[in-house]
C-alpha atoms as a PDB file:
ATOM      1  CA  MET A   1     117.186  74.398  97.851  1.00  0.00           C
ATOM      2  CA  THR A   2     113.860  76.184  97.671  1.00  0.00           C
ATOM      3  CA  ASN A   3     112.125  76.729  94.363  1.00  0.00           C
ATOM      4  CA  LYS A   4     111.635  80.480  94.469  1.00  0.00           C
ATOM      5  CA  PRO A   5     112.741  83.441  92.369  1.00  0.00           C
ATOM      6  CA  LYS A   6     116.128  85.070  92.882  1.00  0.00           C
ATOM      7  CA  ASN A   7     114.562  88.519  93.204  1.00  0.00           C
ATOM      8  CA  LEU A   8     111.100  89.091  94.598  1.00  0.00           C
ATOM      9  CA  SER A   9     110.040  92.623  93.707  1.00  0.00           C
ATOM     10  CA  ILE A  10     107.061  94.825  94.397  1.00  0.00           C
ATOM     11  CA  ALA A  11     105.670  97.261  91.843  1.00  0.00           C
ATOM     12  CA  VAL A  12     103.334  99.782  93.424  1.00  0.00           C
ATOM     13  CA  ALA A  13     102.087 103.345  93.096  1.00  0.00           C
ATOM     14  CA  ILE A  14     101.198 105.055  96.377  1.00  0.00           C
ATOM     15  CA  GLY A  15      99.929 108.426  97.464  1.00  0.00           C
ATOM     16  CA  GLU A  16     101.955 110.412  99.999  1.00  0.00           C
ATOM     17  CA  ASN A  17      99.730 108.888 102.711  1.00  0.00           C
ATOM     18  CA  TYR A  18     100.484 105.337 101.382  1.00  0.00           C
ATOM     19  CA  ALA A  19      97.018 105.222  99.768  1.00  0.00           C
ATOM     20  CA  ILE A  20      96.641 102.687  96.942  1.00  0.00           C
ATOM     21  CA  GLY A  21      92.907 102.387  96.362  1.00  0.00           C
ATOM     22  CA  LYS A  22      89.300 102.948  97.246  1.00  0.00           C
ATOM     23  CA  ASN A  23      86.346 100.676  96.476  1.00  0.00           C
ATOM     24  CA  ASN A  24      88.750  98.309  94.647  1.00  0.00           C
ATOM     25  CA  GLN A  25      89.747 101.059  92.193  1.00  0.00           C
ATOM     26  CA  LEU A  26      92.902 103.078  91.639  1.00  0.00           C
ATOM     27  CA  LEU A  27      92.737 106.634  92.962  1.00  0.00           C
ATOM     28  CA  TRP A  28      94.322 108.319  89.953  1.00  0.00           C
ATOM     29  CA  HIS A  29      94.900 107.966  86.229  1.00  0.00           C
ATOM     30  CA  MET A  30      98.605 108.531  85.584  1.00  0.00           C
ATOM     31  CA  PRO A  31      99.656 107.395  82.091  1.00  0.00           C
ATOM     32  CA  ALA A  32     103.331 107.860  82.971  1.00  0.00           C
ATOM     33  CA  ASP A  33     102.991 105.398  85.863  1.00  0.00           C
ATOM     34  CA  LEU A  34     101.092 102.896  83.704  1.00  0.00           C
ATOM     35  CA  LYS A  35     103.937 103.056  81.168  1.00  0.00           C
ATOM     36  CA  PHE A  36     106.562 102.632  83.935  1.00  0.00           C
ATOM     37  CA  PHE A  37     104.636  99.635  85.335  1.00  0.00           C
ATOM     38  CA  LYS A  38     104.330  98.013  81.898  1.00  0.00           C
ATOM     39  CA  GLN A  39     108.034  98.515  81.078  1.00  0.00           C
ATOM     40  CA  THR A  40     109.075  97.246  84.505  1.00  0.00           C
ATOM     41  CA  THR A  41     106.924  94.095  84.642  1.00  0.00           C
ATOM     42  CA  SER A  42     106.685  93.015  80.957  1.00  0.00           C
ATOM     43  CA  GLY A  43     108.265  89.633  80.333  1.00  0.00           C
ATOM     44  CA  HIS A  44     108.132  88.677  84.020  1.00  0.00           C
ATOM     45  CA  THR A  45     105.775  86.876  86.382  1.00  0.00           C
ATOM     46  CA  VAL A  46     103.228  89.024  88.219  1.00  0.00           C
ATOM     47  CA  ILE A  47     101.464  87.857  91.375  1.00  0.00           C
ATOM     48  CA  MET A  48      98.295  89.553  92.555  1.00  0.00           C
ATOM     49  CA  GLY A  49      95.305  88.972  94.754  1.00  0.00           C
ATOM     50  CA  ARG A  50      91.914  88.139  93.290  1.00  0.00           C
ATOM     51  CA  LYS A  51      90.410  91.561  94.035  1.00  0.00           C
ATOM     52  CA  THR A  52      93.323  93.228  92.225  1.00  0.00           C
ATOM     53  CA  PHE A  53      92.787  90.885  89.291  1.00  0.00           C
ATOM     54  CA  ASP A  54      89.065  91.737  89.299  1.00  0.00           C
ATOM     55  CA  SER A  55      89.896  95.466  89.159  1.00  0.00           C
ATOM     56  CA  VAL A  56      92.259  94.882  86.197  1.00  0.00           C
ATOM     57  CA  GLY A  57      89.703  92.635  84.525  1.00  0.00           C
ATOM     58  CA  LYS A  58      92.002  90.439  82.460  1.00  0.00           C
ATOM     59  CA  PRO A  59      95.446  88.825  82.516  1.00  0.00           C
ATOM     60  CA  LEU A  60      98.218  91.368  81.969  1.00  0.00           C
ATOM     61  CA  PRO A  61      99.704  90.799  78.502  1.00  0.00           C
ATOM     62  CA  ASN A  62     103.292  89.590  78.006  1.00  0.00           C
ATOM     63  CA  ARG A  63     103.453  88.420  81.628  1.00  0.00           C
ATOM     64  CA  ARG A  64     102.890  85.176  83.493  1.00  0.00           C
ATOM     65  CA  ASN A  65      99.861  85.949  85.715  1.00  0.00           C
ATOM     66  CA  ILE A  66      99.403  84.254  89.090  1.00  0.00           C
ATOM     67  CA  VAL A  67      96.318  85.113  91.139  1.00  0.00           C
ATOM     68  CA  ILE A  68      95.994  84.323  94.841  1.00  0.00           C
ATOM     69  CA  THR A  69      92.497  83.536  96.154  1.00  0.00           C
ATOM     70  CA  ARG A  70      90.888  81.681  99.036  1.00  0.00           C
ATOM     71  CA  ASP A  71      88.433  80.177  96.509  1.00  0.00           C
ATOM     72  CA  SER A  72      89.942  76.762  95.759  1.00  0.00           C
ATOM     73  CA  GLN A  73      87.442  76.229  92.895  1.00  0.00           C
ATOM     74  CA  LEU A  74      88.266  79.443  90.987  1.00  0.00           C
ATOM     75  CA  LYS A  75      89.490  79.018  87.400  1.00  0.00           C
ATOM     76  CA  ILE A  76      90.525  81.960  85.209  1.00  0.00           C
ATOM     77  CA  ASP A  77      91.567  81.606  81.572  1.00  0.00           C
ATOM     78  CA  GLY A  78      95.189  82.641  81.034  1.00  0.00           C
ATOM     79  CA  VAL A  79      95.926  82.764  84.770  1.00  0.00           C
ATOM     80  CA  GLU A  80      97.466  80.346  87.269  1.00  0.00           C
ATOM     81  CA  VAL A  81      95.306  80.343  90.395  1.00  0.00           C
ATOM     82  CA  VAL A  82      96.809  79.506  93.827  1.00  0.00           C
ATOM     83  CA  ASN A  83      95.611  79.773  97.385  1.00  0.00           C
ATOM     84  CA  SER A  84      98.538  81.519  99.146  1.00  0.00           C
ATOM     85  CA  LEU A  85     101.570  83.701  98.569  1.00  0.00           C
ATOM     86  CA  GLU A  86     103.753  80.737  99.566  1.00  0.00           C
ATOM     87  CA  GLU A  87     102.118  78.598  96.882  1.00  0.00           C
ATOM     88  CA  ALA A  88     102.583  81.373  94.303  1.00  0.00           C
ATOM     89  CA  LEU A  89     106.266  81.687  95.160  1.00  0.00           C
ATOM     90  CA  ALA A  90     106.706  77.917  95.148  1.00  0.00           C
ATOM     91  CA  ILE A  91     105.583  77.665  91.516  1.00  0.00           C
ATOM     92  CA  THR A  92     107.917  80.409  90.341  1.00  0.00           C
ATOM     93  CA  LYS A  93     111.276  79.242  89.133  1.00  0.00           C
ATOM     94  CA  THR A  94     114.734  79.884  90.493  1.00  0.00           C
ATOM     95  CA  GLU A  95     115.880  80.952  87.017  1.00  0.00           C
ATOM     96  CA  GLU A  96     113.302  83.738  86.889  1.00  0.00           C
ATOM     97  CA  LYS A  97     115.252  86.955  87.215  1.00  0.00           C
ATOM     98  CA  GLN A  98     112.379  88.784  88.888  1.00  0.00           C
ATOM     99  CA  VAL A  99     108.893  88.051  90.098  1.00  0.00           C
ATOM    100  CA  PHE A 100     106.629  91.035  90.798  1.00  0.00           C
ATOM    101  CA  ILE A 101     104.002  91.419  93.478  1.00  0.00           C
ATOM    102  CA  VAL A 102     101.454  93.882  92.028  1.00  0.00           C
ATOM    103  CA  GLY A 103      98.713  94.053  94.691  1.00  0.00           C
ATOM    104  CA  GLY A 104      96.610  94.343  96.626  1.00  0.00           C
ATOM    105  CA  ALA A 105      97.156  95.520 100.162  1.00  0.00           C
ATOM    106  CA  GLU A 106      97.081  92.135 101.912  1.00  0.00           C
ATOM    107  CA  ILE A 107      99.422  90.535  99.372  1.00  0.00           C
ATOM    108  CA  TYR A 108     101.793  93.534  99.653  1.00  0.00           C
ATOM    109  CA  LYS A 109     101.747  93.187 103.455  1.00  0.00           C
ATOM    110  CA  GLN A 110     102.634  89.489 103.264  1.00  0.00           C
ATOM    111  CA  ALA A 111     105.289  89.967 100.572  1.00  0.00           C
ATOM    112  CA  LEU A 112     107.087  93.096 101.815  1.00  0.00           C
ATOM    113  CA  PRO A 113     109.304  91.275 104.348  1.00  0.00           C
ATOM    114  CA  LYS A 114     110.396  88.808 101.605  1.00  0.00           C
ATOM    115  CA  THR A 115     110.985  91.482  98.962  1.00  0.00           C
ATOM    116  CA  GLN A 116     114.422  92.489  97.687  1.00  0.00           C
ATOM    117  CA  THR A 117     113.445  95.332  95.325  1.00  0.00           C
ATOM    118  CA  LEU A 118     110.683  97.975  95.378  1.00  0.00           C
ATOM    119  CA  TYR A 119     109.600  99.733  92.185  1.00  0.00           C
ATOM    120  CA  LEU A 120     107.827 102.609  93.854  1.00  0.00           C
ATOM    121  CA  THR A 121     105.848 105.392  92.247  1.00  0.00           C
ATOM    122  CA  THR A 122     104.906 108.092  94.720  1.00  0.00           C
ATOM    123  CA  ILE A 123     102.045 110.310  93.620  1.00  0.00           C
ATOM    124  CA  HIS A 124     102.607 113.602  95.461  1.00  0.00           C
ATOM    125  CA  HIS A 125      99.126 114.003  96.885  1.00  0.00           C
ATOM    126  CA  SER A 126      97.290 112.608  99.889  1.00  0.00           C
ATOM    127  CA  PHE A 127      94.188 110.692  98.811  1.00  0.00           C
ATOM    128  CA  ASP A 128      90.949 109.651 100.467  1.00  0.00           C
ATOM    129  CA  ALA A 129      91.331 105.864 100.429  1.00  0.00           C
ATOM    130  CA  ASP A 130      90.259 102.648 102.074  1.00  0.00           C
ATOM    131  CA  THR A 131      93.300 100.622 101.035  1.00  0.00           C
ATOM    132  CA  PHE A 132      96.917 101.377 101.912  1.00  0.00           C
ATOM    133  CA  PHE A 133     100.405 100.062 101.261  1.00  0.00           C
ATOM    134  CA  PRO A 134     102.347  99.075 104.408  1.00  0.00           C
ATOM    135  CA  GLU A 135     104.593 101.853 105.699  1.00  0.00           C
ATOM    136  CA  ILE A 136     108.125 101.602 104.331  1.00  0.00           C
ATOM    137  CA  ASP A 137     111.004 101.825 106.807  1.00  0.00           C
ATOM    138  CA  ARG A 138     113.462 103.811 104.702  1.00  0.00           C
ATOM    139  CA  ASN A 139     116.341 102.600 106.928  1.00  0.00           C
ATOM    140  CA  GLU A 140     115.911  99.118 105.439  1.00  0.00           C
ATOM    141  CA  TRP A 141     116.284 100.290 101.826  1.00  0.00           C
ATOM    142  CA  LYS A 142     118.818 102.052  99.626  1.00  0.00           C
ATOM    143  CA  VAL A 143     117.782 104.165  96.662  1.00  0.00           C
ATOM    144  CA  ILE A 144     119.097 102.718  93.373  1.00  0.00           C
ATOM    145  CA  SER A 145     117.404 105.293  91.157  1.00  0.00           C
ATOM    146  CA  CYS A 146     115.073 108.243  91.601  1.00  0.00           C
ATOM    147  CA  GLU A 147     113.306 110.344  88.949  1.00  0.00           C
ATOM    148  CA  SER A 148     110.996 113.204  89.908  1.00  0.00           C
ATOM    149  CA  HIS A 149     108.439 114.556  87.470  1.00  0.00           C
ATOM    150  CA  LYS A 150     106.071 117.510  87.472  1.00  0.00           C
ATOM    151  CA  ALA A 151     102.389 117.228  86.692  1.00  0.00           C
ATOM    152  CA  ASP A 152     101.523 117.793  83.043  1.00  0.00           C
ATOM    153  CA  GLU A 153      98.498 117.699  80.727  1.00  0.00           C
ATOM    154  CA  LYS A 154      98.309 113.850  80.977  1.00  0.00           C
ATOM    155  CA  ASN A 155      99.450 113.344  84.590  1.00  0.00           C
ATOM    156  CA  LYS A 156      97.475 115.405  87.120  1.00  0.00           C
ATOM    157  CA  TYR A 157      99.938 115.161  90.023  1.00  0.00           C
ATOM    158  CA  ASP A 158     103.669 115.500  90.562  1.00  0.00           C
ATOM    159  CA  TYR A 159     105.196 112.030  90.910  1.00  0.00           C
ATOM    160  CA  THR A 160     108.469 110.236  91.603  1.00  0.00           C
ATOM    161  CA  PHE A 161     109.713 106.876  90.316  1.00  0.00           C
ATOM    162  CA  GLU A 162     112.113 105.141  92.705  1.00  0.00           C
ATOM    163  CA  VAL A 163     113.853 101.789  92.655  1.00  0.00           C
ATOM    164  CA  LEU A 164     114.822 100.691  96.157  1.00  0.00           C
ATOM    165  CA  GLU A 165     116.872  97.663  97.181  1.00  0.00           C
ATOM    166  CA  ARG A 166     116.845  96.069 100.597  1.00  0.00           C
ATOM    167  CA  ILE A 167     120.038  96.766 102.542  1.00  0.00           C
END
C-alpha cells in the first residue's frame, strides 16, 4: 500500500487562455477567488513549488505547507521542503482527506494526471502571461458544481467557480 492521500486535488485560478501568471505574480486581484481558495484549502495540506512559495512570501496559515525545490539545502521556517512531487506525496498521509496542489505551472503539469478533483476558478478574460496551466480535457472530467459570478466593485472580471471530478 502506498502512503499517499486519498484525494489529490488542484486549486487554481486561470484566465480563459489558461494564463496563471507573469513574472512570478498573479495577473489579477480577485478577493472572491482568494476567499474561495482559503475556504477550500484551509485545514488541509498544500503543495507548491518554490517560486510559488516565493510569490506568496510565507506559509499559508491553517494549512500544512510543503514546498518542492531542486535546492536540497533549502530550509524554510514553518514549511516542509522536499525535492520532488513524488517525495511530497510520499510524506502525505493516507488518512488525509485531501491534499491540494496550489502551483506553479510545472507542479500543476506533473500533478494533473494524478489528480482526482479540480477546484477551478476561471477568470473570464484573456491575459498577457508567461505562465500557463495545462489545457484541461473536459472529456476526462465531470462538473460537480458550478457558480458563475459577474464582475463587481471588488472583482474586476466575471468569474466562475467549478469543482470537477475525474471520470
